[in-house]
Amino acid sequence: MTKITIKKTETGDYAGFTCEGHAGYADKGEDIICAAISILTINLENSLALLVKEPMEIVQDEESGLISVIFSQTPGEKSRLLIESYILGISEIFNKYGKKYVQLEFEEVI
């Protein structure tokens, strides 16, 4: 299962996100759920870094399927829109394939 955690502050600002694990829908290289989640996640990370130049700390581990992003400051309006677009995409995958393969949660951080 792939677990996506969206981290928000108590004021509702985005603090970061984590995507980890492999969906397990099909064999490696044929798993359409894992591929879709990976594309959305990597595209968000790249868009935040290259288009918006959002200051952030990134941790990746391909073996475990981990991508973790922590924002250095409260993200701006463009970054928030990109994150909300990501959540929309992940939610659609979750709605189509269910909790057996994808878990989406929101976590409040200090």
PDB file of N, CA and C in Angstrom:
ATOM      1  N   MET A   1       0.842  -1.169   0.000  1.00  0.00           N
ATOM      2  CA  MET A   1       0.000   0.000   0.000  1.00  0.00           C
ATOM      3  C   MET A   1       0.895   1.242   0.000  1.00  0.00           C
ATOM      4  N   THR A   2       0.435   2.265  -0.706  1.00  0.00           N
ATOM      5  CA  THR A   2       1.105   3.559  -0.692  1.00  0.00           C
ATOM      6  C   THR A   2       0.352   4.470   0.271  1.00  0.00           C
ATOM      7  N   LYS A   3       1.111   5.076   1.171  1.00  0.00           N
ATOM      8  CA  LYS A   3       0.518   5.968   2.162  1.00  0.00           C
ATOM      9  C   LYS A   3       0.988   7.391   1.883  1.00  0.00           C
ATOM     10  N   ILE A   4       0.030   8.290   1.685  1.00  0.00           N
ATOM     11  CA  ILE A   4       0.323   9.699   1.466  1.00  0.00           C
ATOM     12  C   ILE A   4      -0.183  10.458   2.691  1.00  0.00           C
ATOM     13  N   THR A   5       0.710  11.227   3.295  1.00  0.00           N
ATOM     14  CA  THR A   5       0.357  12.029   4.464  1.00  0.00           C
ATOM     15  C   THR A   5       0.601  13.490   4.123  1.00  0.00           C
ATOM     16  N   ILE A   6      -0.437  14.284   4.205  1.00  0.00           N
ATOM     17  CA  ILE A   6      -0.341  15.728   3.988  1.00  0.00           C
ATOM     18  C   ILE A   6      -0.232  16.363   5.367  1.00  0.00           C
ATOM     19  N   LYS A   7       0.843  17.102   5.588  1.00  0.00           N
ATOM     20  CA  LYS A   7       1.089  17.712   6.891  1.00  0.00           C
ATOM     21  C   LYS A   7       0.654  19.171   6.862  1.00  0.00           C
ATOM     22  N   LYS A   8      -0.169  19.530   7.859  1.00  0.00           N
ATOM     23  CA  LYS A   8      -0.676  20.897   7.974  1.00  0.00           C
ATOM     24  C   LYS A   8      -0.444  21.412   9.387  1.00  0.00           C
ATOM     25  N   THR A   9      -0.295  22.724   9.487  1.00  0.00           N
ATOM     26  CA  THR A   9      -0.148  23.351  10.796  1.00  0.00           C
ATOM     27  C   THR A   9      -1.523  23.518  11.428  1.00  0.00           C
ATOM     28  N   GLU A  10      -1.547  23.923  12.682  1.00  0.00           N
ATOM     29  CA  GLU A  10      -2.827  24.133  13.364  1.00  0.00           C
ATOM     30  C   GLU A  10      -3.624  25.272  12.751  1.00  0.00           C
ATOM     31  N   THR A  11      -2.957  26.143  11.986  1.00  0.00           N
ATOM     32  CA  THR A  11      -3.658  27.241  11.306  1.00  0.00           C
ATOM     33  C   THR A  11      -4.117  26.839   9.904  1.00  0.00           C
ATOM     34  N   GLY A  12      -3.834  25.582   9.499  1.00  0.00           N
ATOM     35  CA  GLY A  12      -4.292  25.091   8.206  1.00  0.00           C
ATOM     36  C   GLY A  12      -3.312  25.281   7.063  1.00  0.00           C
ATOM     37  N   ASP A  13      -2.122  25.819   7.358  1.00  0.00           N
ATOM     38  CA  ASP A  13      -1.109  25.976   6.313  1.00  0.00           C
ATOM     39  C   ASP A  13      -0.420  24.636   6.056  1.00  0.00           C
ATOM     40  N   TYR A  14      -0.009  24.415   4.820  1.00  0.00           N
ATOM     41  CA  TYR A  14       0.711  23.191   4.495  1.00  0.00           C
ATOM     42  C   TYR A  14       2.124  23.261   5.064  1.00  0.00           C
ATOM     43  N   ALA A  15       2.558  22.157   5.690  1.00  0.00           N
ATOM     44  CA  ALA A  15       3.898  22.071   6.267  1.00  0.00           C
ATOM     45  C   ALA A  15       4.780  21.113   5.478  1.00  0.00           C
ATOM     46  N   GLY A  16       4.153  20.240   4.678  1.00  0.00           N
ATOM     47  CA  GLY A  16       4.895  19.271   3.879  1.00  0.00           C
ATOM     48  C   GLY A  16       4.013  18.086   3.542  1.00  0.00           C
ATOM     49  N   PHE A  17       4.640  17.059   2.983  1.00  0.00           N
ATOM     50  CA  PHE A  17       3.916  15.833   2.657  1.00  0.00           C
ATOM     51  C   PHE A  17       4.894  14.680   2.575  1.00  0.00           C
ATOM     52  N   THR A  18       4.361  13.479   2.768  1.00  0.00           N
ATOM     53  CA  THR A  18       5.149  12.263   2.648  1.00  0.00           C
ATOM     54  C   THR A  18       4.360  11.269   1.810  1.00  0.00           C
ATOM     55  N   CYS A  19       5.066  10.600   0.924  1.00  0.00           N
ATOM     56  CA  CYS A  19       4.497   9.514   0.134  1.00  0.00           C
ATOM     57  C   CYS A  19       5.443   8.339   0.322  1.00  0.00           C
ATOM     58  N   GLU A  20       4.911   7.206   0.797  1.00  0.00           N
ATOM     59  CA  GLU A  20       5.796   6.065   1.017  1.00  0.00           C
ATOM     60  C   GLU A  20       5.094   4.748   0.747  1.00  0.00           C
ATOM     61  N   GLY A  21       5.907   3.800   0.339  1.00  0.00           N
ATOM     62  CA  GLY A  21       5.409   2.457   0.075  1.00  0.00           C
ATOM     63  C   GLY A  21       5.085   2.238  -1.386  1.00  0.00           C
ATOM     64  N   HIS A  22       4.774   1.013  -1.694  1.00  0.00           N
ATOM     65  CA  HIS A  22       4.403   0.621  -3.053  1.00  0.00           C
ATOM     66  C   HIS A  22       2.972   0.090  -3.018  1.00  0.00           C
ATOM     67  N   ALA A  23       2.199   0.455  -4.010  1.00  0.00           N
ATOM     68  CA  ALA A  23       0.766   0.137  -4.012  1.00  0.00           C
ATOM     69  C   ALA A  23       0.493  -1.365  -3.948  1.00  0.00           C
ATOM     70  N   GLY A  24       1.260  -2.162  -4.689  1.00  0.00           N
ATOM     71  CA  GLY A  24       1.035  -3.596  -4.678  1.00  0.00           C
ATOM     72  C   GLY A  24      -0.138  -4.039  -5.539  1.00  0.00           C
ATOM     73  N   TYR A  25      -0.543  -3.203  -6.468  1.00  0.00           N
ATOM     74  CA  TYR A  25      -1.657  -3.527  -7.362  1.00  0.00           C
ATOM     75  C   TYR A  25      -1.254  -4.572  -8.395  1.00  0.00           C
ATOM     76  N   ALA A  26      -0.002  -4.487  -8.850  1.00  0.00           N
ATOM     77  CA  ALA A  26       0.522  -5.421  -9.855  1.00  0.00           C
ATOM     78  C   ALA A  26       2.030  -5.541  -9.661  1.00  0.00           C
ATOM     79  N   ASP A  27       2.659  -6.368 -10.463  1.00  0.00           N
ATOM     80  CA  ASP A  27       4.107  -6.547 -10.390  1.00  0.00           C
ATOM     81  C   ASP A  27       4.830  -5.241 -10.702  1.00  0.00           C
ATOM     82  N   LYS A  28       6.055  -5.145 -10.196  1.00  0.00           N
ATOM     83  CA  LYS A  28       6.894  -3.977 -10.451  1.00  0.00           C
ATOM     84  C   LYS A  28       7.015  -3.752 -11.954  1.00  0.00           C
ATOM     85  N   GLY A  29       6.835  -2.507 -12.359  1.00  0.00           N
ATOM     86  CA  GLY A  29       6.879  -2.172 -13.778  1.00  0.00           C
ATOM     87  C   GLY A  29       5.522  -2.249 -14.465  1.00  0.00           C
ATOM     88  N   GLU A  30       4.549  -2.847 -13.809  1.00  0.00           N
ATOM     89  CA  GLU A  30       3.205  -2.982 -14.377  1.00  0.00           C
ATOM     90  C   GLU A  30       2.128  -2.415 -13.459  1.00  0.00           C
ATOM     91  N   ASP A  31       2.545  -1.844 -12.345  1.00  0.00           N
ATOM     92  CA  ASP A  31       1.616  -1.348 -11.326  1.00  0.00           C
ATOM     93  C   ASP A  31       1.156   0.069 -11.701  1.00  0.00           C
ATOM     94  N   ILE A  32      -0.043   0.161 -12.281  1.00  0.00           N
ATOM     95  CA  ILE A  32      -0.543   1.452 -12.763  1.00  0.00           C
ATOM     96  C   ILE A  32      -0.850   2.418 -11.622  1.00  0.00           C
ATOM     97  N   ILE A  33      -1.226   1.895 -10.462  1.00  0.00           N
ATOM     98  CA  ILE A  33      -1.510   2.764  -9.324  1.00  0.00           C
ATOM     99  C   ILE A  33      -0.214   3.380  -8.810  1.00  0.00           C
ATOM    100  N   CYS A  34       0.803   2.552  -8.646  1.00  0.00           N
ATOM    101  CA  CYS A  34       2.096   3.049  -8.183  1.00  0.00           C
ATOM    102  C   CYS A  34       2.658   4.068  -9.180  1.00  0.00           C
ATOM    103  N   ALA A  35       2.516   3.780 -10.463  1.00  0.00           N
ATOM    104  CA  ALA A  35       3.012   4.699 -11.494  1.00  0.00           C
ATOM    105  C   ALA A  35       2.276   6.035 -11.435  1.00  0.00           C
ATOM    106  N   ALA A  36       0.974   5.997 -11.289  1.00  0.00           N
ATOM    107  CA  ALA A  36       0.183   7.234 -11.243  1.00  0.00           C
ATOM    108  C   ALA A  36       0.548   8.071 -10.018  1.00  0.00           C
ATOM    109  N   ILE A  37       0.662   7.423  -8.868  1.00  0.00           N
ATOM    110  CA  ILE A  37       1.021   8.136  -7.643  1.00  0.00           C
ATOM    111  C   ILE A  37       2.426   8.709  -7.762  1.00  0.00           C
ATOM    112  N   SER A  38       3.340   7.930  -8.294  1.00  0.00           N
ATOM    113  CA  SER A  38       4.721   8.395  -8.463  1.00  0.00           C
ATOM    114  C   SER A  38       4.788   9.606  -9.376  1.00  0.00           C
ATOM    115  N   ILE A  39       4.071   9.561 -10.479  1.00  0.00           N
ATOM    116  CA  ILE A  39       4.078  10.683 -11.418  1.00  0.00           C
ATOM    117  C   ILE A  39       3.530  11.943 -10.750  1.00  0.00           C
ATOM    118  N   LEU A  40       2.403  11.821 -10.056  1.00  0.00           N
ATOM    119  CA  LEU A  40       1.822  12.979  -9.381  1.00  0.00           C
ATOM    120  C   LEU A  40       2.770  13.531  -8.315  1.00  0.00           C
ATOM    121  N   THR A  41       3.386  12.655  -7.543  1.00  0.00           N
ATOM    122  CA  THR A  41       4.246  13.083  -6.446  1.00  0.00           C
ATOM    123  C   THR A  41       5.526  13.732  -6.958  1.00  0.00           C
ATOM    124  N   ILE A  42       6.176  13.096  -7.921  1.00  0.00           N
ATOM    125  CA  ILE A  42       7.413  13.651  -8.474  1.00  0.00           C
ATOM    126  C   ILE A  42       7.132  14.949  -9.226  1.00  0.00           C
ATOM    127  N   ASN A  43       6.010  15.007  -9.915  1.00  0.00           N
ATOM    128  CA  ASN A  43       5.650  16.245 -10.601  1.00  0.00           C
ATOM    129  C   ASN A  43       5.406  17.383  -9.605  1.00  0.00           C
ATOM    130  N   LEU A  44       4.746  17.077  -8.483  1.00  0.00           N
ATOM    131  CA  LEU A  44       4.538  18.104  -7.457  1.00  0.00           C
ATOM    132  C   LEU A  44       5.883  18.583  -6.912  1.00  0.00           C
ATOM    133  N   GLU A  45       6.740  17.652  -6.555  1.00  0.00           N
ATOM    134  CA  GLU A  45       8.060  18.007  -6.025  1.00  0.00           C
ATOM    135  C   GLU A  45       8.832  18.876  -7.021  1.00  0.00           C
ATOM    136  N   ASN A  46       8.855  18.469  -8.279  1.00  0.00           N
ATOM    137  CA  ASN A  46       9.577  19.243  -9.307  1.00  0.00           C
ATOM    138  C   ASN A  46       8.940  20.606  -9.550  1.00  0.00           C
ATOM    139  N   SER A  47       7.621  20.669  -9.576  1.00  0.00           N
ATOM    140  CA  SER A  47       6.928  21.937  -9.803  1.00  0.00           C
ATOM    141  C   SER A  47       7.190  22.919  -8.664  1.00  0.00           C
ATOM    142  N   LEU A  48       7.164  22.407  -7.430  1.00  0.00           N
ATOM    143  CA  LEU A  48       7.447  23.263  -6.281  1.00  0.00           C
ATOM    144  C   LEU A  48       8.882  23.797  -6.333  1.00  0.00           C
ATOM    145  N   ALA A  49       9.816  22.940  -6.731  1.00  0.00           N
ATOM    146  CA  ALA A  49      11.227  23.332  -6.760  1.00  0.00           C
ATOM    147  C   ALA A  49      11.564  24.220  -7.951  1.00  0.00           C
ATOM    148  N   LEU A  50      11.098  23.857  -9.138  1.00  0.00           N
ATOM    149  CA  LEU A  50      11.537  24.525 -10.358  1.00  0.00           C
ATOM    150  C   LEU A  50      10.645  25.682 -10.804  1.00  0.00           C
ATOM    151  N   LEU A  51       9.344  25.538 -10.640  1.00  0.00           N
ATOM    152  CA  LEU A  51       8.429  26.581 -11.105  1.00  0.00           C
ATOM    153  C   LEU A  51       8.183  27.647 -10.048  1.00  0.00           C
ATOM    154  N   VAL A  52       7.999  27.211  -8.813  1.00  0.00           N
ATOM    155  CA  VAL A  52       7.648  28.131  -7.739  1.00  0.00           C
ATOM    156  C   VAL A  52       8.872  28.483  -6.875  1.00  0.00           C
ATOM    157  N   LYS A  53       9.890  27.625  -6.947  1.00  0.00           N
ATOM    158  CA  LYS A  53      11.116  27.807  -6.161  1.00  0.00           C
ATOM    159  C   LYS A  53      10.833  27.857  -4.656  1.00  0.00           C
ATOM    160  N   GLU A  54       9.984  26.935  -4.238  1.00  0.00           N
ATOM    161  CA  GLU A  54       9.584  26.840  -2.835  1.00  0.00           C
ATOM    162  C   GLU A  54      10.759  26.274  -2.020  1.00  0.00           C
ATOM    163  N   PRO A  55      11.202  26.974  -0.963  1.00  0.00           N
ATOM    164  CA  PRO A  55      12.266  26.420  -0.127  1.00  0.00           C
ATOM    165  C   PRO A  55      11.751  25.217   0.663  1.00  0.00           C
ATOM    166  N   MET A  56      12.461  24.087   0.548  1.00  0.00           N
ATOM    167  CA  MET A  56      11.991  22.865   1.185  1.00  0.00           C
ATOM    168  C   MET A  56      13.136  21.875   1.331  1.00  0.00           C
ATOM    169  N   GLU A  57      12.931  20.946   2.234  1.00  0.00           N
ATOM    170  CA  GLU A  57      13.867  19.848   2.440  1.00  0.00           C
ATOM    171  C   GLU A  57      13.237  18.599   1.831  1.00  0.00           C
ATOM    172  N   ILE A  58      14.004  17.884   1.016  1.00  0.00           N
ATOM    173  CA  ILE A  58      13.493  16.698   0.326  1.00  0.00           C
ATOM    174  C   ILE A  58      14.312  15.484   0.741  1.00  0.00           C
ATOM    175  N   VAL A  59      13.623  14.393   1.082  1.00  0.00           N
ATOM    176  CA  VAL A  59      14.256  13.113   1.377  1.00  0.00           C
ATOM    177  C   VAL A  59      13.622  12.087   0.450  1.00  0.00           C
ATOM    178  N   GLN A  60      14.469  11.298  -0.219  1.00  0.00           N
ATOM    179  CA  GLN A  60      13.964  10.271  -1.135  1.00  0.00           C
ATOM    180  C   GLN A  60      14.685   8.954  -0.893  1.00  0.00           C
ATOM    181  N   ASP A  61      13.948   7.864  -1.043  1.00  0.00           N
ATOM    182  CA  ASP A  61      14.528   6.525  -0.996  1.00  0.00           C
ATOM    183  C   ASP A  61      13.730   5.659  -1.965  1.00  0.00           C
ATOM    184  N   GLU A  62      14.309   5.422  -3.131  1.00  0.00           N
ATOM    185  CA  GLU A  62      13.603   4.683  -4.184  1.00  0.00           C
ATOM    186  C   GLU A  62      13.252   3.265  -3.755  1.00  0.00           C
ATOM    187  N   GLU A  63      14.136   2.641  -2.991  1.00  0.00           N
ATOM    188  CA  GLU A  63      13.918   1.261  -2.553  1.00  0.00           C
ATOM    189  C   GLU A  63      12.601   1.114  -1.780  1.00  0.00           C
ATOM    190  N   SER A  64      12.380   2.022  -0.819  1.00  0.00           N
ATOM    191  CA  SER A  64      11.170   1.936   0.006  1.00  0.00           C
ATOM    192  C   SER A  64      10.006   2.734  -0.575  1.00  0.00           C
ATOM    193  N   GLY A  65      10.280   3.486  -1.640  1.00  0.00           N
ATOM    194  CA  GLY A  65       9.230   4.301  -2.246  1.00  0.00           C
ATOM    195  C   GLY A  65       8.930   5.555  -1.450  1.00  0.00           C
ATOM    196  N   LEU A  66       9.932   6.092  -0.766  1.00  0.00           N
ATOM    197  CA  LEU A  66       9.730   7.255   0.091  1.00  0.00           C
ATOM    198  C   LEU A  66      10.081   8.554  -0.629  1.00  0.00           C
ATOM    199  N   ILE A  67       9.171   9.501  -0.555  1.00  0.00           N
ATOM    200  CA  ILE A  67       9.440  10.892  -0.913  1.00  0.00           C
ATOM    201  C   ILE A  67       8.831  11.722   0.215  1.00  0.00           C
ATOM    202  N   SER A  68       9.683  12.512   0.862  1.00  0.00           N
ATOM    203  CA  SER A  68       9.235  13.359   1.961  1.00  0.00           C
ATOM    204  C   SER A  68       9.667  14.791   1.678  1.00  0.00           C
ATOM    205  N   VAL A  69       8.724  15.713   1.813  1.00  0.00           N
ATOM    206  CA  VAL A  69       8.995  17.125   1.584  1.00  0.00           C
ATOM    207  C   VAL A  69       8.526  17.899   2.814  1.00  0.00           C
ATOM    208  N   ILE A  70       9.430  18.703   3.358  1.00  0.00           N
ATOM    209  CA  ILE A  70       9.100  19.582   4.479  1.00  0.00           C
ATOM    210  C   ILE A  70       9.401  21.011   4.028  1.00  0.00           C
ATOM    211  N   PHE A  71       8.423  21.887   4.137  1.00  0.00           N
ATOM    212  CA  PHE A  71       8.597  23.272   3.710  1.00  0.00           C
ATOM    213  C   PHE A  71       9.379  24.053   4.756  1.00  0.00           C
ATOM    214  N   SER A  72      10.291  24.899   4.285  1.00  0.00           N
ATOM    215  CA  SER A  72      11.104  25.733   5.170  1.00  0.00           C
ATOM    216  C   SER A  72      10.332  26.932   5.693  1.00  0.00           C
ATOM    217  N   GLN A  73       9.273  27.296   4.986  1.00  0.00           N
ATOM    218  CA  GLN A  73       8.413  28.409   5.390  1.00  0.00           C
ATOM    219  C   GLN A  73       7.005  28.106   4.892  1.00  0.00           C
ATOM    220  N   THR A  74       6.052  28.906   5.303  1.00  0.00           N
ATOM    221  CA  THR A  74       4.677  28.707   4.844  1.00  0.00           C
ATOM    222  C   THR A  74       4.624  28.878   3.334  1.00  0.00           C
ATOM    223  N   PRO A  75       4.126  27.865   2.618  1.00  0.00           N
ATOM    224  CA  PRO A  75       4.075  27.950   1.156  1.00  0.00           C
ATOM    225  C   PRO A  75       3.176  29.093   0.678  1.00  0.00           C
ATOM    226  N   GLY A  76       3.561  29.689  -0.457  1.00  0.00           N
ATOM    227  CA  GLY A  76       2.786  30.757  -1.056  1.00  0.00           C
ATOM    228  C   GLY A  76       1.561  30.241  -1.793  1.00  0.00           C
ATOM    229  N   GLU A  77       0.824  31.151  -2.368  1.00  0.00           N
ATOM    230  CA  GLU A  77      -0.437  30.835  -3.044  1.00  0.00           C
ATOM    231  C   GLU A  77      -0.254  29.839  -4.197  1.00  0.00           C
ATOM    232  N   LYS A  78       0.770  30.028  -5.011  1.00  0.00           N
ATOM    233  CA  LYS A  78       1.007  29.114  -6.136  1.00  0.00           C
ATOM    234  C   LYS A  78       1.331  27.714  -5.641  1.00  0.00           C
ATOM    235  N   SER A  79       2.123  27.627  -4.600  1.00  0.00           N
ATOM    236  CA  SER A  79       2.458  26.320  -4.027  1.00  0.00           C
ATOM    237  C   SER A  79       1.219  25.642  -3.464  1.00  0.00           C
ATOM    238  N   ARG A  80       0.383  26.413  -2.776  1.00  0.00           N
ATOM    239  CA  ARG A  80      -0.863  25.845  -2.226  1.00  0.00           C
ATOM    240  C   ARG A  80      -1.736  25.276  -3.339  1.00  0.00           C
ATOM    241  N   LEU A  81      -1.823  25.981  -4.457  1.00  0.00           N
ATOM    242  CA  LEU A  81      -2.619  25.492  -5.579  1.00  0.00           C
ATOM    243  C   LEU A  81      -2.045  24.185  -6.125  1.00  0.00           C
ATOM    244  N   LEU A  82      -0.729  24.109  -6.247  1.00  0.00           N
ATOM    245  CA  LEU A  82      -0.102  22.874  -6.711  1.00  0.00           C
ATOM    246  C   LEU A  82      -0.383  21.715  -5.751  1.00  0.00           C
ATOM    247  N   ILE A  83      -0.305  21.974  -4.464  1.00  0.00           N
ATOM    248  CA  ILE A  83      -0.565  20.935  -3.460  1.00  0.00           C
ATOM    249  C   ILE A  83      -2.023  20.493  -3.516  1.00  0.00           C
ATOM    250  N   GLU A  84      -2.935  21.427  -3.653  1.00  0.00           N
ATOM    251  CA  GLU A  84      -4.355  21.069  -3.734  1.00  0.00           C
ATOM    252  C   GLU A  84      -4.664  20.282  -5.003  1.00  0.00           C
ATOM    253  N   SER A  85      -3.975  20.591  -6.087  1.00  0.00           N
ATOM    254  CA  SER A  85      -4.122  19.816  -7.318  1.00  0.00           C
ATOM    255  C   SER A  85      -3.619  18.386  -7.101  1.00  0.00           C
ATOM    256  N   TYR A  86      -2.505  18.243  -6.399  1.00  0.00           N
ATOM    257  CA  TYR A  86      -1.958  16.932  -6.054  1.00  0.00           C
ATOM    258  C   TYR A  86      -2.960  16.128  -5.224  1.00  0.00           C
ATOM    259  N   ILE A  87      -3.527  16.767  -4.203  1.00  0.00           N
ATOM    260  CA  ILE A  87      -4.508  16.097  -3.348  1.00  0.00           C
ATOM    261  C   ILE A  87      -5.716  15.649  -4.173  1.00  0.00           C
ATOM    262  N   LEU A  88      -6.155  16.483  -5.098  1.00  0.00           N
ATOM    263  CA  LEU A  88      -7.265  16.114  -5.979  1.00  0.00           C
ATOM    264  C   LEU A  88      -6.923  14.857  -6.779  1.00  0.00           C
ATOM    265  N   GLY A  89      -5.739  14.824  -7.367  1.00  0.00           N
ATOM    266  CA  GLY A  89      -5.321  13.662  -8.150  1.00  0.00           C
ATOM    267  C   GLY A  89      -5.220  12.396  -7.320  1.00  0.00           C
ATOM    268  N   ILE A  90      -4.598  12.504  -6.147  1.00  0.00           N
ATOM    269  CA  ILE A  90      -4.464  11.343  -5.261  1.00  0.00           C
ATOM    270  C   ILE A  90      -5.845  10.884  -4.792  1.00  0.00           C
ATOM    271  N   SER A  91      -6.732  11.821  -4.489  1.00  0.00           N
ATOM    272  CA  SER A  91      -8.095  11.480  -4.052  1.00  0.00           C
ATOM    273  C   SER A  91      -8.838  10.705  -5.132  1.00  0.00           C
ATOM    274  N   GLU A  92      -8.658  11.086  -6.374  1.00  0.00           N
ATOM    275  CA  GLU A  92      -9.309  10.376  -7.481  1.00  0.00           C
ATOM    276  C   GLU A  92      -8.794   8.943  -7.599  1.00  0.00           C
ATOM    277  N   ILE A  93      -7.489   8.762  -7.414  1.00  0.00           N
ATOM    278  CA  ILE A  93      -6.930   7.405  -7.429  1.00  0.00           C
ATOM    279  C   ILE A  93      -7.509   6.604  -6.271  1.00  0.00           C
ATOM    280  N   PHE A  94      -7.559   7.208  -5.093  1.00  0.00           N
ATOM    281  CA  PHE A  94      -8.130   6.543  -3.924  1.00  0.00           C
ATOM    282  C   PHE A  94      -9.589   6.161  -4.168  1.00  0.00           C
ATOM    283  N   ASN A  95     -10.371   7.092  -4.718  1.00  0.00           N
ATOM    284  CA  ASN A  95     -11.789   6.829  -4.980  1.00  0.00           C
ATOM    285  C   ASN A  95     -11.986   5.706  -5.990  1.00  0.00           C
ATOM    286  N   LYS A  96     -11.093   5.595  -6.951  1.00  0.00           N
ATOM    287  CA  LYS A  96     -11.218   4.563  -7.993  1.00  0.00           C
ATOM    288  C   LYS A  96     -10.758   3.190  -7.495  1.00  0.00           C
ATOM    289  N   TYR A  97      -9.654   3.158  -6.726  1.00  0.00           N
ATOM    290  CA  TYR A  97      -9.040   1.876  -6.373  1.00  0.00           C
ATOM    291  C   TYR A  97      -9.157   1.501  -4.905  1.00  0.00           C
ATOM    292  N   GLY A  98      -9.531   2.429  -4.064  1.00  0.00           N
ATOM    293  CA  GLY A  98      -9.821   2.110  -2.675  1.00  0.00           C
ATOM    294  C   GLY A  98      -8.632   1.993  -1.757  1.00  0.00           C
ATOM    295  N   LYS A  99      -8.967   1.750  -0.485  1.00  0.00           N
ATOM    296  CA  LYS A  99      -7.964   1.781   0.572  1.00  0.00           C
ATOM    297  C   LYS A  99      -7.045   0.568   0.604  1.00  0.00           C
ATOM    298  N   LYS A 100      -7.282  -0.404  -0.236  1.00  0.00           N
ATOM    299  CA  LYS A 100      -6.386  -1.562  -0.287  1.00  0.00           C
ATOM    300  C   LYS A 100      -5.022  -1.171  -0.848  1.00  0.00           C
ATOM    301  N   TYR A 101      -4.987  -0.159  -1.728  1.00  0.00           N
ATOM    302  CA  TYR A 101      -3.760   0.221  -2.411  1.00  0.00           C
ATOM    303  C   TYR A 101      -3.254   1.619  -2.049  1.00  0.00           C
ATOM    304  N   VAL A 102      -4.158   2.491  -1.601  1.00  0.00           N
ATOM    305  CA  VAL A 102      -3.801   3.887  -1.340  1.00  0.00           C
ATOM    306  C   VAL A 102      -4.421   4.338  -0.022  1.00  0.00           C
ATOM    307  N   GLN A 103      -3.612   5.025   0.769  1.00  0.00           N
ATOM    308  CA  GLN A 103      -4.115   5.640   1.994  1.00  0.00           C
ATOM    309  C   GLN A 103      -3.741   7.116   1.943  1.00  0.00           C
ATOM    310  N   LEU A 104      -4.732   7.978   2.098  1.00  0.00           N
ATOM    311  CA  LEU A 104      -4.516   9.419   2.116  1.00  0.00           C
ATOM    312  C   LEU A 104      -4.973   9.946   3.466  1.00  0.00           C
ATOM    313  N   GLU A 105      -4.047  10.593   4.170  1.00  0.00           N
ATOM    314  CA  GLU A 105      -4.411  11.143   5.479  1.00  0.00           C
ATOM    315  C   GLU A 105      -3.808  12.524   5.645  1.00  0.00           C
ATOM    316  N   PHE A 106      -4.397  13.267   6.570  1.00  0.00           N
ATOM    317  CA  PHE A 106      -3.936  14.603   6.894  1.00  0.00           C
ATOM    318  C   PHE A 106      -3.479  14.579   8.351  1.00  0.00           C
ATOM    319  N   GLU A 107      -2.346  15.190   8.591  1.00  0.00           N
ATOM    320  CA  GLU A 107      -1.755  15.178   9.921  1.00  0.00           C
ATOM    321  C   GLU A 107      -1.444  16.601  10.352  1.00  0.00           C
ATOM    322  N   GLU A 108      -1.842  16.935  11.566  1.00  0.00           N
ATOM    323  CA  GLU A 108      -1.522  18.263  12.086  1.00  0.00           C
ATOM    324  C   GLU A 108      -0.152  18.200  12.751  1.00  0.00           C
ATOM    325  N   VAL A 109       0.694  19.147  12.374  1.00  0.00           N
ATOM    326  CA  VAL A 109       2.042  19.216  12.937  1.00  0.00           C
ATOM    327  C   VAL A 109       2.233  20.568  13.622  1.00  0.00           C
ATOM    328  N   ILE A 110       3.178  20.618  14.504  1.00  0.00           N
ATOM    329  CA  ILE A 110       3.443  21.868  15.233  1.00  0.00           C
ATOM    330  C   ILE A 110       4.438  22.710  14.455  1.00  0.00           C
TER     331      ILE A 110
END
